[in-house]
Amino acid sequence: MLKKYPLIKTKFIPPLIKNTNLYRPMLIKKMRNILDVPITLIHSGPGYGKSSSIASYLEYQQGKFCWYTLSKQEDNFVPFLVHMIYAVQATSPSFCERLLEFVLNEDVDSLEGEVELLCSEFINELVAMKEEIIIVLDDIHYLEASKTSINWLSLVIQYLPKNVHLVLCGRIRPTWDVLTRLLVHGELLEITEADLAFSKEEIEVLFADFYNLELIESQVDYVCELTEGWIIAIQMIWQQFKITGDLEVKEHLNIRSLEELFRYLAMEVFSKQPDEMRQFLLATCIFGEFNIPFCNAILNRKDSQQMVANLLSQNLFIIPIGTEQYRYHPLFKDFLIKQLRYDEALFYENQDRAANFFLENENYERAIYHYQKIEESKKVGAILDRYGQILLQQGKIEAVSKMFDRLSVNVKLEYIRLWFIEGEINRYFCHYEKALSCYRQLEELAELKQDFIAGSLAQEGKAKIYLDTIQPAKADSHLSQAIK
């Protein structure tokens, strides 16, 4: 019985190249090597311009090509094979006519066992074409659900004739054995996220020549640092500028363009991850950097290596830095934190767990950072009361000063030795009157609470002020009281 598969002709048409598409000589130079190898892999996270980049190259080189954009509907072998034939027929109408008729009339289960036969027929037809052709398979990650499709395509790659060049484009890097062999023999070209990301110079040209906006160097640096060359984010910043006249996207988190970017991330990335991966992302997004042992320890799990490997294989905005150290793309990190904040209980739980972990490991600065995120001022006060002087001795005076900016008077009244630390900060910045006021406040509270050590610290602080201001005579009496 003749089977029918829905045929959407736009799947066989590359994306339209817009007038705002920047000519990128370094990327095009690398893509010129496509005709020198049988297989090219193009992989990156969503929104990096994979499809438009290869489409631009095809327009530039003006040779014969065919295009096939995969979808979830072709995650089984037979629909995939049928669409592969249709894709080549868009360029060569008589291609594999007999094979197509056979596939459409044969039972699906029997076809699953005829992978080698179906491969040989397909390859022989490619050989008969003789002329050079590029076959692009876009969104190849949809193929991962079908082992039979991968086996068939691996055989096609193994026996691919010299006149055919296959381009596999998707969000993950396939780990098929045949690709490893080609890589070892120098017969595979790989174009990665790093190749697709816009450089500082390209960002400057894009804004000047296509967006008609001359950026000063600091603005170019800002866009480059924020987006790290991620073209969809660059475009969102441009859209925001048209609305607000302001490039400082992070200062306007409610603007339409950034909300659209976050919706895009939610739809294309986050929602498509399994629950366990989403939980891992939400648990780790609160850290600037992380590594495998750290994740296992703080999250009390043993599979962080696998989770990170999965993120890397999907090009999911995770960036290796140094040896076994990772971070998220800044905009993706912002998105994840926003997702986490939708669940206030989970946000509190993740931050509190992180703070407790760092406190137990004597990393007081990071513990305070996470406690402040959940407004646990009393816990911050308790840490500074006990370890604040250690942080000052480590030279972290400015960091501690910022911590004090968020402390209420009530917290300092409960942990009275905080007045001494605040006095020390003011003394360091030569704000002697403010420092003296802090020491006097501590002196009064120490007397009220009969805290003799705190009282001694107050006298020590006063003495230091007079020593700093070269008044040793006034310092002596306070030093004597401090010793008592």
Protein backbone atom coordinates (compact mmCIF):
# COMPACT_ATOMS: atom_id res chain seq x y z
CA MET A 1 0.00 0.00 0.00
CA LEU A 2 1.35 3.41 -0.97
CA LYS A 3 2.24 5.41 2.13
CA LYS A 4 1.99 9.18 2.22
CA TYR A 5 4.18 11.54 4.18
CA PRO A 6 3.35 15.24 4.56
CA LEU A 7 5.64 17.21 2.29
CA ILE A 8 6.41 20.81 3.31
CA LYS A 9 8.42 22.32 0.49
CA THR A 10 9.95 25.06 2.65
CA LYS A 11 11.98 22.33 4.37
CA PHE A 12 14.01 22.13 1.18
CA ILE A 13 14.66 25.87 0.90
CA PRO A 14 17.51 27.59 2.80
CA PRO A 15 16.70 30.64 4.92
CA LEU A 16 16.41 33.94 3.10
CA ILE A 17 19.56 36.05 3.25
CA LYS A 18 18.62 39.53 4.47
CA ASN A 19 20.17 42.79 3.39
CA THR A 20 21.45 43.21 6.95
CA ASN A 21 23.47 40.00 6.69
CA LEU A 22 27.09 40.97 7.30
CA TYR A 23 29.76 39.56 5.01
CA ARG A 24 32.17 37.78 7.37
CA PRO A 25 35.44 37.08 5.55
CA MET A 26 37.04 34.90 8.27
CA LEU A 27 33.98 32.64 8.51
CA ILE A 28 33.59 32.45 4.73
CA LYS A 29 37.30 31.65 4.41
CA LYS A 30 36.85 28.66 6.70
CA MET A 31 33.69 27.58 4.89
CA ARG A 32 35.53 27.53 1.58
CA ASN A 33 37.10 24.30 2.84
CA ILE A 34 33.69 22.60 2.65
CA LEU A 35 34.49 21.55 -0.93
CA ASP A 36 37.80 20.02 0.21
CA VAL A 37 36.29 17.50 2.65
CA PRO A 38 33.43 14.99 2.49
CA ILE A 39 31.81 16.09 5.78
CA THR A 40 31.39 19.43 7.53
CA LEU A 41 29.98 19.78 11.05
CA ILE A 42 28.45 23.11 12.09
CA HIS A 43 27.29 23.12 15.69
CA SER A 44 26.41 25.74 18.30
CA GLY A 45 23.65 26.77 20.66
CA PRO A 46 20.47 28.35 19.28
CA GLY A 47 20.59 31.86 17.89
CA TYR A 48 24.20 31.82 16.66
CA GLY A 49 23.26 31.98 12.98
CA LYS A 50 24.22 28.46 11.91
CA SER A 51 21.60 28.20 9.18
CA SER A 52 22.02 31.74 7.86
CA SER A 53 25.81 31.37 7.82
CA ILE A 54 25.80 28.25 5.66
CA ALA A 55 23.05 29.78 3.49
CA SER A 56 25.25 32.86 2.97
CA TYR A 57 28.14 30.63 1.96
CA LEU A 58 25.98 28.71 -0.53
CA GLU A 59 24.87 31.98 -2.10
CA TYR A 60 28.49 33.13 -2.23
CA GLN A 61 29.93 29.98 -3.83
CA GLN A 62 27.05 29.65 -6.36
CA GLY A 63 27.52 25.91 -6.86
CA LYS A 64 24.91 23.17 -6.91
CA PHE A 65 23.39 22.32 -3.53
CA CYS A 66 20.30 20.87 -1.89
CA TRP A 67 18.86 21.70 1.52
CA TYR A 68 16.84 19.75 4.06
CA THR A 69 15.69 21.17 7.41
CA LEU A 70 14.78 18.32 9.73
CA SER A 71 11.95 18.45 12.26
CA LYS A 72 10.42 16.23 14.93
CA GLN A 73 8.17 14.69 12.28
CA GLU A 74 11.19 12.94 10.74
CA ASP A 75 12.51 11.34 13.93
CA ASN A 76 11.78 7.90 12.43
CA PHE A 77 13.84 6.31 9.70
CA VAL A 78 11.36 6.03 6.82
CA PRO A 79 10.09 9.65 6.94
CA PHE A 80 13.72 10.77 7.17
CA LEU A 81 14.78 8.70 4.15
CA VAL A 82 11.80 9.90 2.11
CA HIS A 83 12.64 13.53 2.87
CA MET A 84 16.32 12.95 2.03
CA ILE A 85 15.26 11.78 -1.42
CA TYR A 86 12.86 14.69 -1.86
CA ALA A 87 15.63 17.11 -0.84
CA VAL A 88 17.96 15.93 -3.61
CA GLN A 89 15.06 15.78 -6.07
CA ALA A 90 14.59 19.53 -5.55
CA THR A 91 17.84 19.87 -7.51
CA SER A 92 17.77 16.64 -9.57
CA PRO A 93 14.09 15.67 -10.16
CA SER A 94 14.79 12.09 -11.31
CA PHE A 95 17.00 11.24 -8.32
CA CYS A 96 16.16 7.88 -6.66
CA GLU A 97 12.72 7.56 -8.28
CA ARG A 98 12.70 3.76 -8.07
CA LEU A 99 14.02 3.78 -4.50
CA LEU A 100 11.34 6.27 -3.47
CA GLU A 101 8.60 4.13 -5.01
CA PHE A 102 9.99 1.04 -3.25
CA VAL A 103 10.11 2.81 0.13
CA LEU A 104 6.58 4.17 -0.19
CA ASN A 105 5.16 0.73 -1.02
CA GLU A 106 7.17 -1.40 1.41
CA ASP A 107 6.24 -2.24 4.99
CA VAL A 108 7.97 0.04 7.49
CA ASP A 109 9.23 -2.81 9.70
CA SER A 110 10.88 -4.58 6.76
CA LEU A 111 12.63 -1.36 5.71
CA GLU A 112 14.21 -1.03 9.16
CA GLY A 113 16.14 -4.24 8.41
CA GLU A 114 17.28 -3.15 4.94
CA VAL A 115 19.57 -0.30 5.94
CA GLU A 116 22.56 -1.46 3.86
CA LEU A 117 20.45 -2.06 0.75
CA LEU A 118 18.79 1.34 1.03
CA CYS A 119 22.18 2.96 1.56
CA SER A 120 23.72 1.31 -1.51
CA GLU A 121 20.83 2.44 -3.73
CA PHE A 122 21.12 6.00 -2.45
CA ILE A 123 24.92 6.09 -2.88
CA ASN A 124 24.76 4.67 -6.42
CA GLU A 125 22.34 7.40 -7.42
CA LEU A 126 24.71 10.04 -6.00
CA VAL A 127 27.60 8.56 -7.99
CA ALA A 128 25.51 8.71 -11.16
CA MET A 129 25.01 12.45 -10.68
CA LYS A 130 28.76 13.01 -11.32
CA GLU A 131 28.63 16.79 -10.83
CA GLU A 132 29.78 18.30 -7.53
CA ILE A 133 27.00 18.99 -5.03
CA ILE A 134 26.64 20.10 -1.41
CA ILE A 135 23.88 18.48 0.67
CA VAL A 136 22.95 20.43 3.81
CA LEU A 137 21.09 18.71 6.65
CA ASP A 138 19.95 21.46 9.00
CA ASP A 139 18.78 20.82 12.59
CA ILE A 140 20.51 17.43 12.54
CA HIS A 141 19.97 17.11 16.32
CA TYR A 142 16.44 15.85 15.60
CA LEU A 143 18.02 12.70 14.17
CA GLU A 144 19.38 11.59 17.55
CA ALA A 145 16.06 9.94 18.41
CA SER A 146 16.38 7.38 15.59
CA LYS A 147 19.23 4.85 15.75
CA THR A 148 18.26 3.40 12.38
CA SER A 149 18.49 6.82 10.73
CA ILE A 150 21.92 7.37 12.28
CA ASN A 151 23.11 3.94 11.13
CA TRP A 152 21.89 4.61 7.59
CA LEU A 153 23.44 8.09 7.45
CA SER A 154 26.71 6.76 8.91
CA LEU A 155 26.88 4.24 6.06
CA VAL A 156 26.14 6.98 3.54
CA ILE A 157 28.98 9.05 5.01
CA GLN A 158 31.33 6.05 4.90
CA TYR A 159 30.72 5.49 1.18
CA LEU A 160 30.05 9.10 0.14
CA PRO A 161 31.31 9.70 -3.42
CA LYS A 162 33.92 12.41 -4.00
CA ASN A 163 31.50 14.64 -5.88
CA VAL A 164 29.24 14.97 -2.81
CA HIS A 165 29.91 17.12 0.26
CA LEU A 166 27.61 16.66 3.24
CA VAL A 167 27.07 19.49 5.75
CA LEU A 168 25.55 18.52 9.12
CA CYS A 169 24.23 21.54 10.98
CA GLY A 170 22.69 21.45 14.46
CA ARG A 171 22.75 22.27 18.16
CA ILE A 172 24.76 19.25 19.25
CA ARG A 173 27.95 17.69 17.98
CA PRO A 174 27.19 14.15 16.76
CA THR A 175 29.46 11.51 18.33
CA TRP A 176 29.12 8.90 15.60
CA ASP A 177 32.12 6.61 15.08
CA VAL A 178 32.36 7.39 11.37
CA LEU A 179 32.85 11.09 12.15
CA THR A 180 35.68 10.30 14.55
CA ARG A 181 37.47 8.32 11.85
CA LEU A 182 37.09 11.17 9.37
CA LEU A 183 38.40 13.67 11.92
CA VAL A 184 41.50 11.54 12.57
CA HIS A 185 42.20 11.38 8.82
CA GLY A 186 41.71 15.11 8.30
CA GLU A 187 38.56 14.62 6.24
CA LEU A 188 36.16 16.50 8.48
CA LEU A 189 35.72 20.27 8.76
CA GLU A 190 34.32 21.54 12.04
CA ILE A 191 32.75 24.98 12.50
CA THR A 192 31.95 25.70 16.12
CA GLU A 193 30.22 28.32 18.24
CA ALA A 194 33.53 30.17 18.53
CA ASP A 195 33.69 30.50 14.73
CA LEU A 196 30.09 31.72 14.52
CA ALA A 197 30.34 34.27 17.34
CA PHE A 198 30.82 37.85 16.16
CA SER A 199 34.15 39.46 16.95
CA LYS A 200 34.49 42.96 18.37
CA GLU A 201 35.41 44.29 14.92
CA GLU A 202 32.40 42.58 13.30
CA ILE A 203 30.05 44.02 15.94
CA GLU A 204 31.39 47.50 15.24
CA VAL A 205 30.93 47.09 11.46
CA LEU A 206 27.44 45.59 11.92
CA PHE A 207 26.23 48.60 13.90
CA ALA A 208 27.92 51.14 11.65
CA ASP A 209 27.15 49.72 8.19
CA PHE A 210 23.83 47.95 8.72
CA TYR A 211 22.27 49.59 11.77
CA ASN A 212 23.57 53.09 10.86
CA LEU A 213 24.86 53.63 14.38
CA GLU A 214 28.46 54.60 15.05
CA LEU A 215 29.45 53.18 18.44
CA ILE A 216 32.28 54.55 20.52
CA GLU A 217 34.82 52.00 21.71
CA SER A 218 33.34 51.65 25.20
CA GLN A 219 29.92 50.86 23.69
CA VAL A 220 31.42 48.24 21.39
CA ASP A 221 33.21 46.72 24.39
CA TYR A 222 29.94 46.68 26.33
CA VAL A 223 27.99 44.90 23.57
CA CYS A 224 30.86 42.47 23.03
CA GLU A 225 31.19 41.65 26.74
CA LEU A 226 27.45 41.27 27.30
CA THR A 227 26.65 39.16 24.24
CA GLU A 228 30.01 37.40 23.69
CA GLY A 229 29.26 37.54 19.98
CA TRP A 230 25.84 35.86 20.23
CA ILE A 231 24.11 37.37 17.21
CA ILE A 232 20.51 37.02 18.41
CA ALA A 233 21.43 38.97 21.56
CA ILE A 234 23.22 41.61 19.48
CA GLN A 235 20.09 42.02 17.38
CA MET A 236 17.96 42.31 20.53
CA ILE A 237 20.19 45.11 21.81
CA TRP A 238 19.77 46.91 18.50
CA GLN A 239 15.98 46.50 18.72
CA GLN A 240 16.09 47.92 22.23
CA PHE A 241 18.12 50.90 21.07
CA LYS A 242 15.48 51.72 18.47
CA ILE A 243 12.86 51.78 21.25
CA THR A 244 14.74 53.45 24.10
CA GLY A 245 17.81 55.06 22.52
CA ASP A 246 19.88 53.26 25.16
CA LEU A 247 22.36 50.43 24.67
CA GLU A 248 22.58 49.60 28.38
CA VAL A 249 20.26 46.62 28.11
CA LYS A 250 20.90 45.32 31.62
CA GLU A 251 19.54 48.55 33.09
CA HIS A 252 16.14 47.94 31.46
CA LEU A 253 15.16 44.38 32.25
CA ASN A 254 11.50 45.00 31.42
CA ILE A 255 12.04 46.28 27.92
CA ARG A 256 10.33 44.44 25.15
CA SER A 257 13.45 43.26 23.32
CA LEU A 258 15.04 41.54 26.32
CA GLU A 259 11.72 39.95 27.24
CA GLU A 260 11.54 38.56 23.71
CA LEU A 261 15.04 37.16 24.09
CA PHE A 262 14.08 35.48 27.37
CA ARG A 263 10.92 34.05 25.80
CA TYR A 264 13.06 32.70 23.00
CA LEU A 265 15.38 31.02 25.50
CA ALA A 266 12.43 29.59 27.41
CA MET A 267 10.83 28.19 24.27
CA GLU A 268 13.91 26.99 22.38
CA VAL A 269 16.22 25.92 25.19
CA PHE A 270 14.95 25.63 28.75
CA SER A 271 11.55 24.01 28.19
CA LYS A 272 13.08 21.30 25.99
CA GLN A 273 15.40 20.03 28.71
CA PRO A 274 14.43 17.11 30.98
CA ASP A 275 13.37 18.01 34.53
CA GLU A 276 16.66 16.88 36.03
CA MET A 277 18.67 19.10 33.69
CA ARG A 278 16.42 22.09 34.40
CA GLN A 279 16.98 21.60 38.13
CA PHE A 280 20.74 21.41 37.58
CA LEU A 281 20.69 24.64 35.56
CA LEU A 282 18.65 26.44 38.21
CA ALA A 283 20.93 25.17 40.98
CA THR A 284 24.18 26.23 39.30
CA CYS A 285 23.15 29.53 37.68
CA ILE A 286 23.66 31.41 40.97
CA PHE A 287 27.44 30.84 40.78
CA GLY A 288 29.84 32.93 38.73
CA GLU A 289 32.00 29.88 38.01
CA PHE A 290 31.84 26.22 38.94
CA ASN A 291 33.59 22.89 38.43
CA ILE A 292 32.60 19.24 38.73
CA PRO A 293 33.81 18.52 42.32
CA PHE A 294 32.21 21.77 43.49
CA CYS A 295 28.84 20.86 41.93
CA ASN A 296 28.91 17.34 43.36
CA ALA A 297 29.74 18.67 46.82
CA ILE A 298 27.35 21.59 47.02
CA LEU A 299 24.44 19.84 45.28
CA ASN A 300 25.08 16.50 47.00
CA ARG A 301 25.09 14.56 43.74
CA LYS A 302 27.48 12.29 41.84
CA ASP A 303 26.51 12.93 38.21
CA SER A 304 27.65 16.53 37.69
CA GLN A 305 30.27 15.33 35.19
CA GLN A 306 27.53 13.83 33.03
CA MET A 307 25.29 16.88 33.40
CA VAL A 308 28.04 19.27 32.31
CA ALA A 309 29.01 16.94 29.45
CA ASN A 310 25.39 16.98 28.26
CA LEU A 311 25.32 20.78 28.40
CA LEU A 312 28.56 20.98 26.43
CA SER A 313 27.35 18.49 23.82
CA GLN A 314 24.22 20.61 23.31
CA ASN A 315 26.23 23.85 23.09
CA LEU A 316 23.90 25.08 25.81
CA PHE A 317 25.58 28.41 26.61
CA ILE A 318 28.11 26.84 28.96
CA ILE A 319 31.66 28.09 28.49
CA PRO A 320 34.81 26.23 29.60
CA ILE A 321 37.34 28.52 31.29
CA GLY A 322 40.70 27.17 32.31
CA THR A 323 41.01 23.57 33.41
CA GLU A 324 37.69 21.91 34.26
CA GLN A 325 36.13 25.25 35.17
CA TYR A 326 32.89 26.51 33.62
CA ARG A 327 30.50 29.44 33.50
CA TYR A 328 27.27 30.31 31.70
CA HIS A 329 26.87 32.93 28.99
CA PRO A 330 25.93 36.11 30.92
CA LEU A 331 22.56 36.56 29.20
CA PHE A 332 21.68 32.89 29.64
CA LYS A 333 22.68 33.20 33.30
CA ASP A 334 20.37 36.21 33.68
CA PHE A 335 17.59 34.22 32.07
CA LEU A 336 18.10 31.23 34.39
CA ILE A 337 18.11 33.40 37.50
CA LYS A 338 14.89 35.03 36.33
CA GLN A 339 13.37 31.56 35.88
CA LEU A 340 14.58 30.61 39.35
CA ARG A 341 12.97 33.69 40.89
CA TYR A 342 9.56 32.57 39.65
CA ASP A 343 9.78 29.97 42.43
CA GLU A 344 10.73 32.00 45.50
CA ALA A 345 10.95 28.92 47.73
CA LEU A 346 13.42 27.24 45.35
CA PHE A 347 15.37 30.48 44.96
CA TYR A 348 15.71 30.72 48.75
CA GLU A 349 16.62 27.04 49.07
CA ASN A 350 19.38 27.23 46.43
CA GLN A 351 20.89 30.43 47.82
CA ASP A 352 20.70 29.23 51.43
CA ARG A 353 22.34 25.91 50.54
CA ALA A 354 25.15 27.74 48.76
CA ALA A 355 25.67 30.13 51.68
CA ASN A 356 25.84 27.29 54.20
CA PHE A 357 28.30 25.38 52.01
CA PHE A 358 30.66 28.35 51.73
CA LEU A 359 30.36 29.11 55.44
CA GLU A 360 31.30 25.53 56.34
CA ASN A 361 34.30 25.81 54.01
CA GLU A 362 35.38 29.15 55.54
CA ASN A 363 34.69 31.15 52.40
CA TYR A 364 32.97 33.93 54.30
CA GLU A 365 32.78 36.43 51.46
CA ARG A 366 30.85 34.07 49.18
CA ALA A 367 28.65 32.92 52.06
CA ILE A 368 27.68 36.53 52.72
CA TYR A 369 27.02 37.10 49.01
CA HIS A 370 24.41 34.32 48.92
CA TYR A 371 22.83 35.29 52.25
CA GLN A 372 22.42 38.84 50.98
CA LYS A 373 20.63 37.52 47.88
CA ILE A 374 17.88 36.18 50.15
CA GLU A 375 18.04 39.17 52.53
CA GLU A 376 19.26 37.17 55.53
CA SER A 377 20.73 40.25 57.19
CA LYS A 378 21.03 38.66 60.62
CA LYS A 379 23.08 35.78 59.24
CA VAL A 380 25.29 38.27 57.40
CA GLY A 381 25.69 40.22 60.64
CA ALA A 382 26.60 37.06 62.56
CA ILE A 383 29.32 36.18 60.04
CA LEU A 384 30.79 39.68 60.01
CA ASP A 385 30.64 39.84 63.80
CA ARG A 386 32.72 36.68 64.06
CA TYR A 387 34.91 36.81 60.95
CA GLY A 388 34.81 40.45 59.81
CA GLN A 389 38.25 41.24 61.21
CA ILE A 390 39.70 38.25 59.35
CA LEU A 391 38.30 39.63 56.08
CA LEU A 392 39.81 43.04 56.84
CA GLN A 393 43.18 41.43 57.57
CA GLN A 394 42.94 39.70 54.18
CA GLY A 395 42.73 43.13 52.56
CA LYS A 396 39.05 42.86 51.58
CA ILE A 397 38.18 46.25 53.00
CA GLU A 398 36.19 47.53 50.03
CA ALA A 399 34.22 44.28 49.79
CA VAL A 400 33.37 44.42 53.50
CA SER A 401 32.42 48.08 53.14
CA LYS A 402 29.82 47.16 50.50
CA MET A 403 28.48 44.45 52.80
CA PHE A 404 27.94 47.05 55.52
CA ASP A 405 26.00 49.28 53.12
CA ARG A 406 23.17 46.73 53.27
CA LEU A 407 23.21 46.16 57.04
CA SER A 408 20.47 47.77 59.13
CA VAL A 409 21.08 49.55 62.43
CA ASN A 410 19.04 46.85 64.19
CA VAL A 411 21.48 44.16 63.07
CA LYS A 412 24.42 46.24 64.32
CA LEU A 413 22.65 46.77 67.63
CA GLU A 414 22.30 43.00 67.99
CA TYR A 415 25.89 42.23 66.97
CA ILE A 416 27.58 45.21 68.60
CA ARG A 417 31.14 44.39 67.49
CA LEU A 418 30.06 45.30 63.98
CA TRP A 419 30.49 48.92 65.09
CA PHE A 420 34.20 48.26 65.54
CA ILE A 421 34.51 46.78 62.03
CA GLU A 422 32.58 49.71 60.55
CA GLY A 423 34.88 52.05 62.45
CA GLU A 424 37.92 50.27 61.00
CA ILE A 425 36.52 50.67 57.49
CA ASN A 426 35.97 54.40 58.00
CA ARG A 427 39.43 54.77 59.51
CA TYR A 428 40.95 53.06 56.45
CA PHE A 429 39.24 55.61 54.19
CA CYS A 430 40.40 58.44 56.52
CA HIS A 431 36.84 59.23 57.61
CA TYR A 432 38.03 59.78 61.15
CA GLU A 433 34.92 61.49 62.53
CA LYS A 434 32.70 58.67 61.30
CA ALA A 435 35.14 56.12 62.67
CA LEU A 436 35.22 57.84 66.07
CA SER A 437 31.42 57.88 66.12
CA CYS A 438 31.37 54.10 65.52
CA TYR A 439 33.85 53.44 68.33
CA ARG A 440 31.84 55.62 70.72
CA GLN A 441 28.66 53.77 69.80
CA LEU A 442 30.44 50.49 70.49
CA GLU A 443 31.71 51.82 73.82
CA GLU A 444 28.19 52.72 74.97
CA LEU A 445 26.69 49.39 73.88
CA ALA A 446 29.56 47.43 75.44
CA GLU A 447 28.99 49.15 78.77
CA LEU A 448 25.25 48.52 78.52
CA LYS A 449 25.73 44.82 77.77
CA GLN A 450 28.74 44.38 80.06
CA ASP A 451 30.79 43.15 77.09
CA PHE A 452 34.33 43.92 78.23
CA ILE A 453 36.01 42.62 75.06
CA ALA A 454 33.84 44.90 72.92
CA GLY A 455 34.69 47.79 75.25
CA SER A 456 38.38 47.05 74.82
CA LEU A 457 37.95 47.08 71.02
CA ALA A 458 36.30 50.50 71.25
CA GLN A 459 39.31 51.90 73.12
CA GLU A 460 41.68 50.23 70.65
CA GLY A 461 39.84 51.89 67.77
CA LYS A 462 40.05 55.33 69.35
CA ALA A 463 43.76 54.87 70.00
CA LYS A 464 44.35 53.93 66.35
CA ILE A 465 42.67 57.14 65.19
CA TYR A 466 45.01 59.26 67.30
CA LEU A 467 48.02 57.29 66.13
CA ASP A 468 46.91 57.72 62.51
CA THR A 469 46.53 61.47 63.03
CA ILE A 470 49.89 61.72 64.85
CA GLN A 471 48.47 62.43 68.30
CA PRO A 472 50.33 59.79 70.37
CA ALA A 473 49.64 61.50 73.69
CA LYS A 474 45.89 61.08 73.23
CA ALA A 475 46.39 57.50 72.07
CA ASP A 476 48.20 56.39 75.24
CA SER A 477 45.23 56.62 77.58
CA HIS A 478 42.98 54.66 75.23
CA LEU A 479 45.64 51.98 74.72
CA SER A 480 45.93 51.62 78.48
CA GLN A 481 42.17 51.18 78.82
CA ALA A 482 42.15 48.69 75.94
CA ILE A 483 44.78 46.56 77.69
CA LYS A 484 42.80 46.59 80.93
